[in-house]
Amino acid sequence: MTKIFVIYTGGTIGMITDLSTGVLKPFTFEQIIENVPELRRMDYELTVHSFNPIIDSSDVTPEIWAVLAKLIEDNYDDHDGFLVLHGSDTMAFTASALSFMLDGLSKPVIFTGSQLPISEVRTDAKENFITALEIASAKLEDGRARVPEVCIYFENKLFRANRTFKYNSAKFEAFRSPNYPVLVEAGVHIKYNDAAILKSERTKLRVHTSVSSNIGVLKLYPGISPQIVDGVLNSDAEAIIMEAFGTGNTTTASWFLDRLRKAIQNGKIILDISQCKVGSVEMGRYTTSSELKNMGVINGYDMTFEAAVTKLMYLLGRNYPKDRLLRRLGTSIRGEFTKN
C-alpha cells in the first residue's frame, strides 16, 4: 500500500462558512475526510499532520518553511510521497522555498489547495486533493517516484513549484508557469510530461532549514527618484532583487547606474529579474543591460519573483563565501530558470 504523508497547514481548502457571521473559519482534517468519501476507496495509507493552530497563508513565515522541511525529513524514509495542503496566496513562495531547502529530493512533495472551501457544493478542493494524491503516489516501473520534485497542483495541472506564481484570485485556474512546460495534465487520463520532470538524484535527502530574509526589492518605474533608490540600496539588506523592465533593462541615467555600481562595490548582491511574467532577462542585448553586466549585476534569467526571493534567502542562509554564493545564484540548482 502506498504511504502518503499529508501535511495540513490551513487555507481555504479546510474552511467552512460560519452561518451566524458569514465568515470563513477553519475546520478539522477529519471533516475534510468526511467531505471526500472517495478517499476510503483509494488504496493509500495516509498519515496526517495538522498544524495546530492552522495558519492562514498570509501568515506563513520562513520559520514555517523550516517546520515543513523538518516534517518531511523526519517522515521521509517511511513514506512514498508528501502532500501539503496550503493556502494559495503564498503557496508559490512556500513551495519554491521547499524546492531549495530539500536537497537531494527523490520523492514527490505536492502542494495543493483550493479557491473554494471543500464543504461547498461547487468546489475545486475535492478534485485538487484527490488528483494530487494520485500524482504523489505515481511510480515508474523500477519503483522510483515519477515526479521526484516539489510541485504545485491546481485545476488539472501540475507545475514545477519554483516556476509558478499565483495570477488569479477569482478563477479555479489560480496558478501559471509561462516559462516552463506543465509537468502533468489531468483530464480523463493523467498525462505525464516525463521529459520536463526533474530526474531523481538517488542521493540522501539533505535538509537545510537556515534561511536569511535579509533581502530588499527595488521595483523600477518611470520617474523613480534617487531618494527611493537610495532607500533600498542603502538599507541593511545583503541582497537586492531588482525588478527591471523587459529583458532586464533599466534607465541609463548616470545617477542610477552610479548608485548600483557603488552598492555592488560596497558588497551588495543585486539580482536582475524582469517585471514581465513571460520571457527572460537578456543581459547585453541592449546598452543598458550591458552596463549592468559589466558592473556585476547577476542575471536572473526567467526566474519568478517567488523563486528569486526564496533562492536568495536559501543561499544567504548557507553562509557561502561570496564568490560561491554568486556562482550558485547564477546557476540553476533546482530547475528554477532556463538560460538563454
Protein backbone atom coordinates (compact mmCIF):
# COMPACT_ATOMS: atom_id res chain seq x y z
CA MET A 1 0.00 0.00 0.00
CA THR A 2 1.34 3.42 -0.97
CA LYS A 3 2.09 5.60 2.04
CA ILE A 4 1.45 9.32 1.72
CA PHE A 5 2.25 11.86 4.42
CA VAL A 6 -0.30 14.68 4.36
CA ILE A 7 0.51 18.00 6.00
CA TYR A 8 -2.44 20.28 6.58
CA THR A 9 -1.23 23.82 7.21
CA GLY A 10 -4.55 25.58 6.65
CA GLY A 11 -6.05 27.61 3.84
CA THR A 12 -9.36 27.79 2.02
CA ILE A 13 -9.43 24.05 1.36
CA GLY A 14 -10.16 23.48 5.05
CA MET A 15 -12.61 26.31 5.61
CA ILE A 16 -16.31 26.25 6.38
CA THR A 17 -18.75 29.16 6.42
CA ASP A 18 -19.91 30.28 9.86
CA LEU A 19 -23.65 30.63 9.29
CA SER A 20 -24.00 33.26 12.02
CA THR A 21 -21.35 35.64 10.62
CA GLY A 22 -20.84 34.55 7.02
CA VAL A 23 -17.08 34.44 7.68
CA LEU A 24 -14.92 31.52 6.62
CA LYS A 25 -13.40 29.68 9.57
CA PRO A 26 -11.15 26.60 9.75
CA PHE A 27 -12.33 23.10 10.48
CA THR A 28 -10.50 19.88 11.14
CA PHE A 29 -8.81 17.49 8.77
CA GLU A 30 -11.26 14.80 9.89
CA GLN A 31 -14.01 16.93 8.40
CA ILE A 32 -12.05 17.12 5.15
CA ILE A 33 -12.07 13.32 5.05
CA GLU A 34 -15.82 13.38 5.66
CA ASN A 35 -16.25 15.65 2.65
CA VAL A 36 -14.17 13.38 0.41
CA PRO A 37 -15.66 9.90 0.94
CA GLU A 38 -13.77 8.71 -2.16
CA LEU A 39 -10.63 8.58 -0.02
CA ARG A 40 -11.95 5.46 1.67
CA ARG A 41 -11.93 3.69 -1.71
CA MET A 42 -8.34 4.64 -2.56
CA ASP A 43 -5.51 2.25 -1.84
CA TYR A 44 -3.43 4.69 0.20
CA GLU A 45 -2.24 4.68 3.75
CA LEU A 46 -2.48 8.31 4.80
CA THR A 47 -0.59 9.75 7.73
CA VAL A 48 -1.89 13.18 8.59
CA HIS A 49 -0.18 16.00 10.42
CA SER A 50 -2.35 19.06 11.06
CA PHE A 51 -0.89 22.34 12.22
CA ASN A 52 -2.41 23.46 15.50
CA PRO A 53 -3.47 26.16 15.20
CA ILE A 54 -3.76 26.12 11.44
CA ILE A 55 -2.20 29.03 9.56
CA ASP A 56 -3.57 31.47 7.04
CA SER A 57 -1.07 31.50 4.18
CA SER A 58 -0.59 35.26 4.60
CA ASP A 59 0.93 34.48 8.00
CA VAL A 60 3.35 31.82 6.75
CA THR A 61 6.96 32.74 7.52
CA PRO A 62 10.39 31.21 6.83
CA GLU A 63 10.11 29.60 10.27
CA ILE A 64 7.08 27.69 8.99
CA TRP A 65 9.05 26.64 5.91
CA ALA A 66 11.63 25.15 8.27
CA VAL A 67 8.92 23.25 10.16
CA LEU A 68 7.59 21.81 6.90
CA ALA A 69 11.07 20.80 5.73
CA LYS A 70 11.77 19.10 9.07
CA LEU A 71 8.44 17.24 8.97
CA ILE A 72 9.33 15.89 5.54
CA GLU A 73 12.82 14.94 6.70
CA ASP A 74 11.53 13.13 9.79
CA ASN A 75 8.98 11.12 7.81
CA TYR A 76 10.93 10.71 4.59
CA ASP A 77 12.06 7.10 4.85
CA ASP A 78 8.63 5.78 5.86
CA HIS A 79 6.56 7.37 3.08
CA ASP A 80 6.38 7.28 -0.70
CA GLY A 81 5.25 10.85 -1.17
CA PHE A 82 4.11 14.03 0.55
CA LEU A 83 1.04 16.21 0.08
CA VAL A 84 0.98 19.72 1.56
CA LEU A 85 -2.37 21.48 1.89
CA HIS A 86 -1.65 25.20 1.93
CA GLY A 87 -3.40 28.49 1.30
CA SER A 88 -2.98 29.66 -2.27
CA ASP A 89 -1.92 33.27 -1.59
CA THR A 90 1.67 32.41 -0.63
CA MET A 91 1.78 28.82 -1.85
CA ALA A 92 4.27 29.64 -4.62
CA PHE A 93 6.67 31.18 -2.07
CA THR A 94 6.48 28.21 0.33
CA ALA A 95 6.72 25.61 -2.42
CA SER A 96 9.64 27.42 -4.09
CA ALA A 97 11.42 27.66 -0.74
CA LEU A 98 10.97 23.93 -0.11
CA SER A 99 12.38 23.14 -3.55
CA PHE A 100 15.68 24.71 -2.45
CA MET A 101 15.65 23.53 1.17
CA LEU A 102 15.09 19.86 0.24
CA ASP A 103 18.43 18.98 -1.34
CA GLY A 104 18.68 15.54 -2.98
CA LEU A 105 14.91 15.02 -3.06
CA SER A 106 13.80 11.80 -4.77
CA LYS A 107 10.13 11.69 -3.74
CA PRO A 108 7.15 13.88 -4.66
CA VAL A 109 6.25 16.87 -2.50
CA ILE A 110 2.98 18.15 -3.94
CA PHE A 111 1.35 21.38 -2.78
CA THR A 112 -2.33 21.95 -3.37
CA GLY A 113 -5.26 23.92 -2.04
CA SER A 114 -8.43 25.42 -3.42
CA GLN A 115 -10.27 28.59 -4.29
CA LEU A 116 -13.48 27.41 -2.61
CA PRO A 117 -13.81 25.50 0.69
CA ILE A 118 -14.10 21.73 0.48
CA SER A 119 -17.50 21.93 2.18
CA GLU A 120 -19.02 23.91 -0.73
CA VAL A 121 -21.10 22.03 -3.29
CA ARG A 122 -19.32 23.60 -6.30
CA THR A 123 -15.75 23.35 -5.05
CA ASP A 124 -12.39 22.76 -6.70
CA ALA A 125 -10.98 21.34 -3.47
CA LYS A 126 -12.03 17.72 -3.90
CA GLU A 127 -10.55 17.26 -7.36
CA ASN A 128 -7.33 19.04 -6.43
CA PHE A 129 -6.93 16.88 -3.34
CA ILE A 130 -7.67 13.53 -4.98
CA THR A 131 -5.56 14.08 -8.11
CA ALA A 132 -2.64 15.50 -6.10
CA LEU A 133 -2.72 12.28 -4.07
CA GLU A 134 -2.63 10.19 -7.25
CA ILE A 135 0.35 12.11 -8.59
CA ALA A 136 2.17 11.89 -5.25
CA SER A 137 1.80 8.10 -5.37
CA ALA A 138 2.76 7.58 -9.02
CA LYS A 139 5.83 5.43 -9.67
CA LEU A 140 7.92 4.31 -12.62
CA GLU A 141 8.31 0.64 -13.50
CA ASP A 142 11.53 0.42 -11.49
CA GLY A 143 9.78 1.70 -8.37
CA ARG A 144 11.14 5.24 -8.41
CA ALA A 145 8.81 8.17 -7.95
CA ARG A 146 7.50 9.50 -11.23
CA VAL A 147 7.59 13.13 -10.05
CA PRO A 148 10.55 13.42 -7.64
CA GLU A 149 10.37 17.18 -7.09
CA VAL A 150 8.43 19.92 -5.32
CA CYS A 151 5.35 20.86 -7.33
CA ILE A 152 2.05 22.73 -7.22
CA TYR A 153 -1.13 21.04 -8.42
CA PHE A 154 -4.12 23.23 -9.20
CA GLU A 155 -7.08 22.86 -11.56
CA ASN A 156 -5.94 19.91 -13.68
CA LYS A 157 -2.28 20.96 -13.96
CA LEU A 158 0.92 20.14 -12.12
CA PHE A 159 3.67 22.77 -12.23
CA ARG A 160 7.27 22.85 -11.03
CA ALA A 161 6.98 24.81 -7.80
CA ASN A 162 9.81 27.26 -8.43
CA ARG A 163 8.45 28.11 -11.90
CA THR A 164 4.99 29.00 -10.67
CA PHE A 165 3.13 32.08 -9.45
CA LYS A 166 -0.45 32.84 -8.45
CA TYR A 167 -2.00 35.03 -11.10
CA ASN A 168 -5.74 34.90 -10.39
CA SER A 169 -7.75 35.13 -7.19
CA ALA A 170 -11.17 34.71 -8.83
CA LYS A 171 -10.77 31.62 -11.04
CA PHE A 172 -10.07 27.98 -10.27
CA GLU A 173 -7.06 28.27 -12.61
CA ALA A 174 -5.15 30.21 -9.98
CA PHE A 175 -1.56 29.41 -10.99
CA ARG A 176 0.56 29.67 -14.11
CA SER A 177 4.04 28.67 -15.23
CA PRO A 178 4.57 30.54 -18.51
CA ASN A 179 8.30 29.93 -18.81
CA TYR A 180 8.31 26.18 -18.21
CA PRO A 181 6.08 23.38 -19.51
CA VAL A 182 3.29 21.84 -17.46
CA LEU A 183 4.54 18.62 -15.82
CA VAL A 184 1.20 16.81 -15.68
CA GLU A 185 -2.24 17.42 -17.20
CA ALA A 186 -5.19 15.64 -15.63
CA GLY A 187 -8.23 15.00 -17.80
CA VAL A 188 -9.88 11.68 -18.49
CA HIS A 189 -6.34 10.36 -18.21
CA ILE A 190 -3.40 11.73 -16.24
CA LYS A 191 -0.73 12.63 -18.80
CA TYR A 192 2.84 12.97 -17.58
CA ASN A 193 5.34 15.16 -19.43
CA ASP A 194 8.25 12.98 -18.35
CA ALA A 195 10.83 14.95 -20.36
CA ALA A 196 10.12 18.08 -18.29
CA ILE A 197 10.22 16.41 -14.88
CA LEU A 198 13.42 16.53 -12.84
CA LYS A 199 15.19 13.20 -12.66
CA SER A 200 15.65 11.51 -9.31
CA GLU A 201 19.13 12.05 -7.93
CA ARG A 202 19.01 8.83 -5.87
CA THR A 203 21.01 10.55 -3.18
CA LYS A 204 20.39 11.00 0.50
CA LEU A 205 18.00 13.81 1.36
CA ARG A 206 19.75 16.76 2.93
CA VAL A 207 17.50 19.37 4.52
CA HIS A 208 18.69 22.95 5.01
CA THR A 209 16.41 24.94 7.30
CA SER A 210 18.53 28.05 7.81
CA VAL A 211 17.40 30.89 5.57
CA SER A 212 18.03 34.62 5.70
CA SER A 213 15.29 37.12 4.90
CA ASN A 214 17.83 39.95 4.73
CA ILE A 215 16.89 40.95 1.19
CA GLY A 216 15.36 44.02 -0.41
CA VAL A 217 13.32 44.65 -3.54
CA LEU A 218 13.86 47.50 -5.98
CA LYS A 219 10.94 47.66 -8.40
CA LEU A 220 11.66 50.12 -11.18
CA TYR A 221 9.16 52.51 -12.73
CA PRO A 222 9.46 55.59 -14.93
CA GLY A 223 10.31 58.60 -12.80
CA ILE A 224 11.69 56.67 -9.84
CA SER A 225 13.62 59.12 -7.68
CA PRO A 226 17.17 58.93 -6.32
CA GLN A 227 15.72 59.05 -2.81
CA ILE A 228 13.64 55.92 -3.37
CA VAL A 229 16.58 54.06 -4.92
CA ASP A 230 18.84 55.14 -2.06
CA GLY A 231 16.28 53.90 0.46
CA VAL A 232 16.59 50.36 -0.93
CA LEU A 233 20.29 50.28 -1.83
CA ASN A 234 21.41 51.86 1.47
CA SER A 235 19.30 49.54 3.60
CA ASP A 236 20.79 46.74 5.68
CA ALA A 237 19.75 44.16 3.06
CA GLU A 238 22.58 41.89 1.94
CA ALA A 239 20.97 41.29 -1.44
CA ILE A 240 18.60 43.26 -3.66
CA ILE A 241 16.16 41.86 -6.19
CA MET A 242 15.84 44.43 -8.95
CA GLU A 243 12.63 44.11 -10.94
CA ALA A 244 13.67 45.69 -14.21
CA PHE A 245 11.88 46.38 -17.49
CA GLY A 246 11.51 43.96 -20.39
CA THR A 247 14.64 41.86 -20.87
CA GLY A 248 16.27 43.26 -17.74
CA ASN A 249 16.68 46.87 -18.77
CA THR A 250 16.92 49.94 -16.56
CA THR A 251 17.22 53.67 -17.07
CA THR A 252 20.60 54.72 -18.44
CA ALA A 253 20.68 57.81 -16.21
CA SER A 254 24.17 58.14 -14.76
CA TRP A 255 22.85 58.84 -11.25
CA PHE A 256 21.08 55.45 -11.26
CA LEU A 257 23.91 53.36 -12.71
CA ASP A 258 26.42 55.07 -10.40
CA ARG A 259 24.31 54.10 -7.39
CA LEU A 260 24.08 50.47 -8.48
CA ARG A 261 27.82 50.34 -9.10
CA LYS A 262 28.60 51.82 -5.69
CA ALA A 263 26.23 49.40 -3.95
CA ILE A 264 27.97 46.42 -5.58
CA GLN A 265 31.38 47.81 -4.67
CA ASN A 266 30.15 48.06 -1.07
CA GLY A 267 29.27 44.36 -1.06
CA LYS A 268 25.60 44.32 -2.08
CA ILE A 269 24.35 41.48 -4.27
CA ILE A 270 21.97 42.68 -6.98
CA LEU A 271 19.87 40.14 -8.88
CA ASP A 272 18.18 41.34 -12.09
CA ILE A 273 14.77 39.83 -12.92
CA SER A 274 12.09 41.07 -15.28
CA GLN A 275 8.75 42.59 -14.38
CA CYS A 276 7.34 40.65 -17.34
CA LYS A 277 5.76 37.32 -16.48
CA VAL A 278 6.79 35.77 -19.79
CA GLY A 279 10.31 35.92 -21.19
CA SER A 280 13.77 36.26 -19.76
CA VAL A 281 16.43 38.75 -18.78
CA GLU A 282 18.97 39.02 -21.60
CA MET A 283 21.96 40.91 -20.31
CA GLY A 284 23.92 42.53 -23.10
CA ARG A 285 21.11 42.67 -25.63
CA TYR A 286 20.72 46.41 -25.07
CA THR A 287 23.24 49.02 -23.95
CA THR A 288 21.67 49.46 -20.54
CA SER A 289 21.87 45.78 -19.63
CA SER A 290 25.47 45.63 -20.87
CA GLU A 291 26.30 48.25 -18.24
CA LEU A 292 24.61 46.12 -15.58
CA LYS A 293 26.54 43.02 -16.61
CA ASN A 294 29.86 44.84 -16.58
CA MET A 295 29.34 46.21 -13.07
CA GLY A 296 28.48 42.79 -11.61
CA VAL A 297 24.67 42.62 -11.53
CA ILE A 298 23.60 38.94 -11.56
CA ASN A 299 21.38 37.69 -14.38
CA GLY A 300 18.13 36.21 -13.04
CA TYR A 301 17.08 34.89 -16.47
CA ASP A 302 13.39 33.84 -16.35
CA MET A 303 13.09 33.28 -12.60
CA THR A 304 9.79 34.12 -11.00
CA PHE A 305 9.80 36.71 -8.25
CA GLU A 306 8.91 33.93 -5.79
CA ALA A 307 11.86 31.81 -6.88
CA ALA A 308 14.23 34.79 -6.75
CA VAL A 309 13.17 35.64 -3.20
CA THR A 310 13.40 32.11 -1.85
CA LYS A 311 16.61 31.18 -3.68
CA LEU A 312 18.37 34.24 -2.30
CA MET A 313 17.05 33.52 1.20
CA TYR A 314 18.25 29.92 0.91
CA LEU A 315 21.71 30.82 -0.40
CA LEU A 316 22.25 33.58 2.17
CA GLY A 317 21.27 31.09 4.87
CA ARG A 318 24.00 28.69 3.75
CA ASN A 319 26.72 31.23 4.67
CA TYR A 320 28.66 30.53 1.50
CA PRO A 321 31.76 32.58 0.69
CA LYS A 322 30.72 35.46 -1.56
CA ASP A 323 32.22 34.05 -4.76
CA ARG A 324 30.50 30.69 -4.30
CA LEU A 325 27.18 32.33 -3.46
CA LEU A 326 27.33 34.36 -6.68
CA ARG A 327 28.14 31.25 -8.73
CA ARG A 328 25.21 29.37 -7.20
CA LEU A 329 22.91 32.33 -7.72
CA GLY A 330 23.78 32.39 -11.42
CA THR A 331 23.37 28.62 -11.77
CA SER A 332 20.09 26.72 -11.99
CA ILE A 333 20.24 24.40 -8.99
CA ARG A 334 16.63 23.09 -8.90
CA GLY A 335 15.47 23.84 -12.42
CA GLU A 336 14.35 27.33 -11.40
CA PHE A 337 15.42 29.07 -14.59
CA THR A 338 16.42 28.45 -18.19
CA LYS A 339 19.49 30.14 -19.60
CA ASN A 340 19.11 31.96 -22.91
